[in-house]
Amino acid sequence: MLHRRLMLAALPTLVAGGAFAQTVGTTTAPAPLSTPSVQGGQVTNVVDTLASAGGFNQFLGLLQRAGVIEQLRGAGPFILLAPNDVALNRAPQSFISQLAPAQPTGQQSSGDPERLRAFANSHIVQSDLRLSAIMGRNTELRTRNGNVIVIEAQPGTAVRVLDTMQGGQGAGGLSIEGRQRNIEVAEIRATNGVVWPISLPILV
């Protein structure tokens, strides 16, 4: 579990695959989503801002075990697609157990570190894009794991994150699952990017 008081010096950001955005069509933008509060009004990097928002402990723990926390404290910019604790509980628990099984005190986890890194990087986009810039459009983005996702931000509907099944293979050549997920609340602004809270994790 991370805590917002754990504020280490930022390390240089490692870029795994560039991000791209392509927008299609123009329509009237839907009503803005509500924004979650950040405790104490503190705005820092995407990791510590997410920790301050609360409710993302499992996801932050997986990011820590994947070794990407300090990268996400770097310069960015980042879009962090973040499933909260409830969203992660909707995922097959056998999958989560394979990524990072329970770790007894004093013993090393026997999970799949390569797949864990693929999972973490499937939730990170190297971009300074904001939701307000893509409302009324469908926009393609590439995650750091190489997955192509589509952000559907159409009037009168929830903002959705869809997988296109283009590239983005995880450990063992397993492709990302084509499941729909929504951006549940407005983005959370941070000093080095934004967080988009999503209703389901992206599986690899």
C-alpha atoms as a PDB file:
ATOM      1  CA  MET A   1       0.000   0.000   0.000  1.00  0.00           C
ATOM      2  CA  LEU A   2       1.308   3.410  -0.934  1.00  0.00           C
ATOM      3  CA  HIS A   3       0.702   6.535   1.087  1.00  0.00           C
ATOM      4  CA  ARG A   4       0.872  10.070  -0.114  1.00  0.00           C
ATOM      5  CA  ARG A   5       3.641  10.794   2.381  1.00  0.00           C
ATOM      6  CA  LEU A   6       5.957   8.524   0.408  1.00  0.00           C
ATOM      7  CA  MET A   7       7.372  11.252  -1.833  1.00  0.00           C
ATOM      8  CA  LEU A   8      10.675  10.158  -3.353  1.00  0.00           C
ATOM      9  CA  ALA A   9      12.748  12.061  -5.878  1.00  0.00           C
ATOM     10  CA  ALA A  10      11.573  11.557  -9.441  1.00  0.00           C
ATOM     11  CA  LEU A  11      13.672   9.329 -11.686  1.00  0.00           C
ATOM     12  CA  PRO A  12      14.054   9.812 -15.470  1.00  0.00           C
ATOM     13  CA  THR A  13      11.063   8.513 -17.358  1.00  0.00           C
ATOM     14  CA  LEU A  14      11.533   5.391 -19.493  1.00  0.00           C
ATOM     15  CA  VAL A  15       9.445   5.445 -22.647  1.00  0.00           C
ATOM     16  CA  ALA A  16       8.237   2.086 -23.966  1.00  0.00           C
ATOM     17  CA  GLY A  17       6.626   2.797 -27.300  1.00  0.00           C
ATOM     18  CA  GLY A  18       5.357   6.217 -28.410  1.00  0.00           C
ATOM     19  CA  ALA A  19       1.774   7.361 -28.052  1.00  0.00           C
ATOM     20  CA  PHE A  20      -0.379   8.618 -30.886  1.00  0.00           C
ATOM     21  CA  ALA A  21      -3.833  10.125 -31.077  1.00  0.00           C
ATOM     22  CA  GLN A  22      -6.249  10.167 -33.989  1.00  0.00           C
ATOM     23  CA  THR A  23      -9.647  11.827 -33.744  1.00  0.00           C
ATOM     24  CA  VAL A  24     -12.604  11.048 -35.978  1.00  0.00           C
ATOM     25  CA  GLY A  25     -15.640  13.266 -36.491  1.00  0.00           C
ATOM     26  CA  THR A  26     -16.897  16.311 -34.621  1.00  0.00           C
ATOM     27  CA  THR A  27     -20.116  16.499 -32.632  1.00  0.00           C
ATOM     28  CA  THR A  28     -21.510  18.394 -29.674  1.00  0.00           C
ATOM     29  CA  ALA A  29     -19.625  17.515 -26.509  1.00  0.00           C
ATOM     30  CA  PRO A  30     -21.470  15.645 -23.748  1.00  0.00           C
ATOM     31  CA  ALA A  31     -21.921  17.136 -20.306  1.00  0.00           C
ATOM     32  CA  PRO A  32     -18.713  17.146 -18.239  1.00  0.00           C
ATOM     33  CA  LEU A  33     -18.158  14.372 -15.732  1.00  0.00           C
ATOM     34  CA  SER A  34     -17.837  15.072 -12.039  1.00  0.00           C
ATOM     35  CA  THR A  35     -14.342  15.294 -10.584  1.00  0.00           C
ATOM     36  CA  PRO A  36     -13.322  13.324  -7.478  1.00  0.00           C
ATOM     37  CA  SER A  37     -11.781  15.281  -4.652  1.00  0.00           C
ATOM     38  CA  VAL A  38      -8.121  14.985  -3.734  1.00  0.00           C
ATOM     39  CA  GLN A  39      -7.512  15.061  -0.001  1.00  0.00           C
ATOM     40  CA  GLY A  40      -6.141  18.367   1.182  1.00  0.00           C
ATOM     41  CA  GLY A  41      -6.315  19.769  -2.351  1.00  0.00           C
ATOM     42  CA  GLN A  42      -2.779  18.512  -2.983  1.00  0.00           C
ATOM     43  CA  VAL A  43      -1.784  18.101  -6.628  1.00  0.00           C
ATOM     44  CA  THR A  44       1.479  16.304  -7.362  1.00  0.00           C
ATOM     45  CA  ASN A  45       2.561  13.616  -9.844  1.00  0.00           C
ATOM     46  CA  VAL A  46       0.053  11.033 -11.100  1.00  0.00           C
ATOM     47  CA  VAL A  47       1.074   8.404  -8.534  1.00  0.00           C
ATOM     48  CA  ASP A  48       0.928  10.518  -5.392  1.00  0.00           C
ATOM     49  CA  THR A  49      -2.168  12.375  -6.589  1.00  0.00           C
ATOM     50  CA  LEU A  50      -3.875   9.006  -7.084  1.00  0.00           C
ATOM     51  CA  ALA A  51      -2.790   7.901  -3.619  1.00  0.00           C
ATOM     52  CA  SER A  52      -4.271  11.101  -2.176  1.00  0.00           C
ATOM     53  CA  ALA A  53      -7.574  10.511  -3.966  1.00  0.00           C
ATOM     54  CA  GLY A  54      -7.954   7.180  -2.122  1.00  0.00           C
ATOM     55  CA  GLY A  55      -9.506   3.881  -3.189  1.00  0.00           C
ATOM     56  CA  PHE A  56      -6.744   2.811  -5.610  1.00  0.00           C
ATOM     57  CA  ASN A  57      -4.532   0.866  -3.207  1.00  0.00           C
ATOM     58  CA  GLN A  58      -4.569  -2.458  -5.093  1.00  0.00           C
ATOM     59  CA  PHE A  59      -3.686  -0.826  -8.420  1.00  0.00           C
ATOM     60  CA  LEU A  60      -0.929   1.253  -6.851  1.00  0.00           C
ATOM     61  CA  GLY A  61       0.434  -1.884  -5.219  1.00  0.00           C
ATOM     62  CA  LEU A  62       0.575  -3.645  -8.600  1.00  0.00           C
ATOM     63  CA  LEU A  63       2.335  -0.643 -10.153  1.00  0.00           C
ATOM     64  CA  GLN A  64       4.865  -0.719  -7.335  1.00  0.00           C
ATOM     65  CA  ARG A  65       5.558  -4.436  -7.762  1.00  0.00           C
ATOM     66  CA  ALA A  66       5.866  -3.910 -11.537  1.00  0.00           C
ATOM     67  CA  GLY A  67       8.626  -1.354 -10.923  1.00  0.00           C
ATOM     68  CA  VAL A  68       6.993   1.629 -12.667  1.00  0.00           C
ATOM     69  CA  ILE A  69       6.194   3.866  -9.686  1.00  0.00           C
ATOM     70  CA  GLU A  70       9.304   6.034  -9.933  1.00  0.00           C
ATOM     71  CA  GLN A  71       8.881   6.327 -13.700  1.00  0.00           C
ATOM     72  CA  LEU A  72       5.368   7.705 -13.108  1.00  0.00           C
ATOM     73  CA  ARG A  73       6.836  10.251 -10.713  1.00  0.00           C
ATOM     74  CA  GLY A  74       9.027  11.496 -13.559  1.00  0.00           C
ATOM     75  CA  ALA A  75       8.530  14.310 -16.031  1.00  0.00           C
ATOM     76  CA  GLY A  76       5.815  12.661 -18.138  1.00  0.00           C
ATOM     77  CA  PRO A  77       3.423  13.605 -19.536  1.00  0.00           C
ATOM     78  CA  PHE A  78       1.319  10.555 -18.662  1.00  0.00           C
ATOM     79  CA  ILE A  79      -2.249   9.411 -18.952  1.00  0.00           C
ATOM     80  CA  LEU A  80      -2.757   6.790 -16.238  1.00  0.00           C
ATOM     81  CA  LEU A  81      -5.808   4.573 -16.778  1.00  0.00           C
ATOM     82  CA  ALA A  82      -6.551   3.603 -13.190  1.00  0.00           C
ATOM     83  CA  PRO A  83      -9.015   0.945 -11.981  1.00  0.00           C
ATOM     84  CA  ASN A  84      -9.950   1.501  -8.351  1.00  0.00           C
ATOM     85  CA  ASP A  85     -10.212  -1.267  -5.775  1.00  0.00           C
ATOM     86  CA  VAL A  86     -13.829  -2.050  -6.732  1.00  0.00           C
ATOM     87  CA  ALA A  87     -12.905  -2.258 -10.433  1.00  0.00           C
ATOM     88  CA  LEU A  88      -9.991  -4.602  -9.750  1.00  0.00           C
ATOM     89  CA  ASN A  89     -12.305  -6.862  -7.766  1.00  0.00           C
ATOM     90  CA  ARG A  90     -14.411  -7.217 -10.943  1.00  0.00           C
ATOM     91  CA  ALA A  91     -11.459  -8.806 -12.738  1.00  0.00           C
ATOM     92  CA  PRO A  92     -10.900 -12.570 -12.580  1.00  0.00           C
ATOM     93  CA  GLN A  93      -9.089 -13.059  -9.290  1.00  0.00           C
ATOM     94  CA  SER A  94      -7.126 -15.936 -10.804  1.00  0.00           C
ATOM     95  CA  PHE A  95      -5.589 -13.390 -13.198  1.00  0.00           C
ATOM     96  CA  ILE A  96      -4.663 -10.999 -10.384  1.00  0.00           C
ATOM     97  CA  SER A  97      -3.201 -13.908  -8.397  1.00  0.00           C
ATOM     98  CA  GLN A  98      -1.004 -14.858 -11.363  1.00  0.00           C
ATOM     99  CA  LEU A  99       0.306 -11.292 -11.605  1.00  0.00           C
ATOM    100  CA  ALA A 100       1.131 -10.862  -7.951  1.00  0.00           C
ATOM    101  CA  PRO A 101       0.153 -13.686  -5.613  1.00  0.00           C
ATOM    102  CA  ALA A 102      -0.124 -13.092  -1.896  1.00  0.00           C
ATOM    103  CA  GLN A 103       3.350 -12.565  -0.469  1.00  0.00           C
ATOM    104  CA  PRO A 104       4.016 -14.175   2.937  1.00  0.00           C
ATOM    105  CA  THR A 105       6.132 -12.128   5.305  1.00  0.00           C
ATOM    106  CA  GLY A 106       9.819 -12.543   4.516  1.00  0.00           C
ATOM    107  CA  GLN A 107       9.210 -14.524   1.315  1.00  0.00           C
ATOM    108  CA  GLN A 108       9.547 -13.437  -2.294  1.00  0.00           C
ATOM    109  CA  SER A 109       6.480 -13.470  -4.561  1.00  0.00           C
ATOM    110  CA  SER A 110       6.392 -16.187  -7.246  1.00  0.00           C
ATOM    111  CA  GLY A 111       4.246 -14.199  -9.668  1.00  0.00           C
ATOM    112  CA  ASP A 112       4.892 -13.497 -13.354  1.00  0.00           C
ATOM    113  CA  PRO A 113       6.996 -10.305 -13.413  1.00  0.00           C
ATOM    114  CA  GLU A 114       6.965  -9.997 -17.220  1.00  0.00           C
ATOM    115  CA  ARG A 115       3.198 -10.189 -17.385  1.00  0.00           C
ATOM    116  CA  LEU A 116       2.901  -7.813 -14.430  1.00  0.00           C
ATOM    117  CA  ARG A 117       4.986  -5.221 -16.284  1.00  0.00           C
ATOM    118  CA  ALA A 118       2.838  -5.740 -19.398  1.00  0.00           C
ATOM    119  CA  PHE A 119      -0.278  -5.188 -17.267  1.00  0.00           C
ATOM    120  CA  ALA A 120       1.127  -1.995 -15.746  1.00  0.00           C
ATOM    121  CA  ASN A 121       2.255  -0.566 -19.097  1.00  0.00           C
ATOM    122  CA  SER A 122      -1.158  -1.320 -20.646  1.00  0.00           C
ATOM    123  CA  HIS A 123      -2.559   1.318 -18.284  1.00  0.00           C
ATOM    124  CA  ILE A 124      -0.031   4.026 -19.195  1.00  0.00           C
ATOM    125  CA  VAL A 125      -0.145   6.322 -22.238  1.00  0.00           C
ATOM    126  CA  GLN A 126       2.715   8.719 -22.941  1.00  0.00           C
ATOM    127  CA  SER A 127       0.637  11.799 -23.849  1.00  0.00           C
ATOM    128  CA  ASP A 128      -0.530  15.213 -22.627  1.00  0.00           C
ATOM    129  CA  LEU A 129      -4.054  14.681 -24.016  1.00  0.00           C
ATOM    130  CA  ARG A 130      -7.028  15.886 -21.951  1.00  0.00           C
ATOM    131  CA  LEU A 131     -10.579  14.549 -22.063  1.00  0.00           C
ATOM    132  CA  SER A 132     -11.896  18.025 -22.783  1.00  0.00           C
ATOM    133  CA  ALA A 133      -9.969  18.000 -26.084  1.00  0.00           C
ATOM    134  CA  ILE A 134     -11.586  14.799 -27.389  1.00  0.00           C
ATOM    135  CA  MET A 135     -15.217  15.155 -26.328  1.00  0.00           C
ATOM    136  CA  GLY A 136     -17.529  14.386 -29.254  1.00  0.00           C
ATOM    137  CA  ARG A 137     -14.927  12.204 -30.987  1.00  0.00           C
ATOM    138  CA  ASN A 138     -13.464   8.714 -31.090  1.00  0.00           C
ATOM    139  CA  THR A 139      -9.738   8.862 -30.360  1.00  0.00           C
ATOM    140  CA  GLU A 140      -7.094   6.149 -30.724  1.00  0.00           C
ATOM    141  CA  LEU A 141      -4.220   5.959 -28.251  1.00  0.00           C
ATOM    142  CA  ARG A 142      -1.317   3.559 -27.913  1.00  0.00           C
ATOM    143  CA  THR A 143      -0.294   2.414 -24.444  1.00  0.00           C
ATOM    144  CA  ARG A 144       3.303   1.824 -23.387  1.00  0.00           C
ATOM    145  CA  ASN A 145       2.723  -1.890 -23.865  1.00  0.00           C
ATOM    146  CA  GLY A 146       1.827  -1.315 -27.531  1.00  0.00           C
ATOM    147  CA  ASN A 147      -1.930  -1.808 -27.154  1.00  0.00           C
ATOM    148  CA  VAL A 148      -4.186   0.382 -29.283  1.00  0.00           C
ATOM    149  CA  ILE A 149      -7.224   1.595 -27.358  1.00  0.00           C
ATOM    150  CA  VAL A 150     -10.132   3.755 -28.522  1.00  0.00           C
ATOM    151  CA  ILE A 151     -11.656   6.445 -26.328  1.00  0.00           C
ATOM    152  CA  GLU A 152     -15.324   6.897 -27.314  1.00  0.00           C
ATOM    153  CA  ALA A 153     -16.555  10.261 -26.018  1.00  0.00           C
ATOM    154  CA  GLN A 154     -19.935  10.657 -27.684  1.00  0.00           C
ATOM    155  CA  PRO A 155     -22.858  12.867 -26.577  1.00  0.00           C
ATOM    156  CA  GLY A 156     -25.259  11.420 -24.046  1.00  0.00           C
ATOM    157  CA  THR A 157     -23.223   8.305 -23.264  1.00  0.00           C
ATOM    158  CA  ALA A 158     -20.493   7.328 -20.834  1.00  0.00           C
ATOM    159  CA  VAL A 159     -16.923   7.878 -22.017  1.00  0.00           C
ATOM    160  CA  ARG A 160     -15.763   4.390 -22.978  1.00  0.00           C
ATOM    161  CA  VAL A 161     -12.353   2.745 -23.377  1.00  0.00           C
ATOM    162  CA  LEU A 162     -12.352  -0.019 -25.997  1.00  0.00           C
ATOM    163  CA  ASP A 163      -9.626  -2.417 -27.102  1.00  0.00           C
ATOM    164  CA  THR A 164      -8.979  -2.747 -30.834  1.00  0.00           C
ATOM    165  CA  MET A 165      -6.944  -5.991 -30.583  1.00  0.00           C
ATOM    166  CA  GLN A 166      -4.177  -4.353 -32.645  1.00  0.00           C
ATOM    167  CA  GLY A 167      -0.787  -5.366 -31.308  1.00  0.00           C
ATOM    168  CA  GLY A 168      -0.201  -4.968 -27.624  1.00  0.00           C
ATOM    169  CA  GLN A 169       0.775  -8.522 -26.819  1.00  0.00           C
ATOM    170  CA  GLY A 170       1.625  -9.207 -23.236  1.00  0.00           C
ATOM    171  CA  ALA A 171       3.819 -11.869 -21.731  1.00  0.00           C
ATOM    172  CA  GLY A 172       3.575 -15.188 -23.542  1.00  0.00           C
ATOM    173  CA  GLY A 173       1.972 -13.592 -26.612  1.00  0.00           C
ATOM    174  CA  LEU A 174      -1.406 -13.183 -24.922  1.00  0.00           C
ATOM    175  CA  SER A 175      -3.414 -10.389 -26.538  1.00  0.00           C
ATOM    176  CA  ILE A 176      -5.374  -7.845 -24.578  1.00  0.00           C
ATOM    177  CA  GLU A 177      -8.999  -8.812 -23.901  1.00  0.00           C
ATOM    178  CA  GLY A 178     -11.632  -6.923 -25.898  1.00  0.00           C
ATOM    179  CA  ARG A 179     -13.762  -5.799 -22.943  1.00  0.00           C
ATOM    180  CA  GLN A 180     -15.475  -2.442 -22.645  1.00  0.00           C
ATOM    181  CA  ARG A 181     -14.724  -0.183 -19.707  1.00  0.00           C
ATOM    182  CA  ASN A 182     -15.967   3.283 -18.835  1.00  0.00           C
ATOM    183  CA  ILE A 183     -14.138   6.317 -17.550  1.00  0.00           C
ATOM    184  CA  GLU A 184     -16.192   6.594 -14.395  1.00  0.00           C
ATOM    185  CA  VAL A 185     -15.459  10.163 -13.311  1.00  0.00           C
ATOM    186  CA  ALA A 186     -13.679  13.170 -14.739  1.00  0.00           C
ATOM    187  CA  GLU A 187      -9.921  13.019 -15.089  1.00  0.00           C
ATOM    188  CA  ILE A 188      -7.811  13.818 -12.057  1.00  0.00           C
ATOM    189  CA  ARG A 189      -5.233  16.448 -12.931  1.00  0.00           C
ATOM    190  CA  ALA A 190      -1.626  15.988 -11.797  1.00  0.00           C
ATOM    191  CA  THR A 191       1.597  17.917 -12.284  1.00  0.00           C
ATOM    192  CA  ASN A 192       2.913  15.430 -14.865  1.00  0.00           C
ATOM    193  CA  GLY A 193      -0.307  14.289 -16.527  1.00  0.00           C
ATOM    194  CA  VAL A 194      -3.801  13.069 -15.744  1.00  0.00           C
ATOM    195  CA  VAL A 195      -5.530  10.031 -14.256  1.00  0.00           C
ATOM    196  CA  TRP A 196      -8.558   8.532 -15.991  1.00  0.00           C
ATOM    197  CA  PRO A 197     -10.396   6.269 -13.489  1.00  0.00           C
ATOM    198  CA  ILE A 198     -11.790   3.223 -15.339  1.00  0.00           C
ATOM    199  CA  SER A 199     -14.479   0.691 -14.423  1.00  0.00           C
ATOM    200  CA  LEU A 200     -12.450  -2.421 -15.356  1.00  0.00           C
ATOM    201  CA  PRO A 201      -8.725  -3.120 -15.558  1.00  0.00           C
ATOM    202  CA  ILE A 202      -7.061  -3.817 -18.907  1.00  0.00           C
ATOM    203  CA  LEU A 203      -6.069  -7.487 -18.947  1.00  0.00           C
ATOM    204  CA  VAL A 204      -3.079  -8.809 -20.880  1.00  0.00           C
END
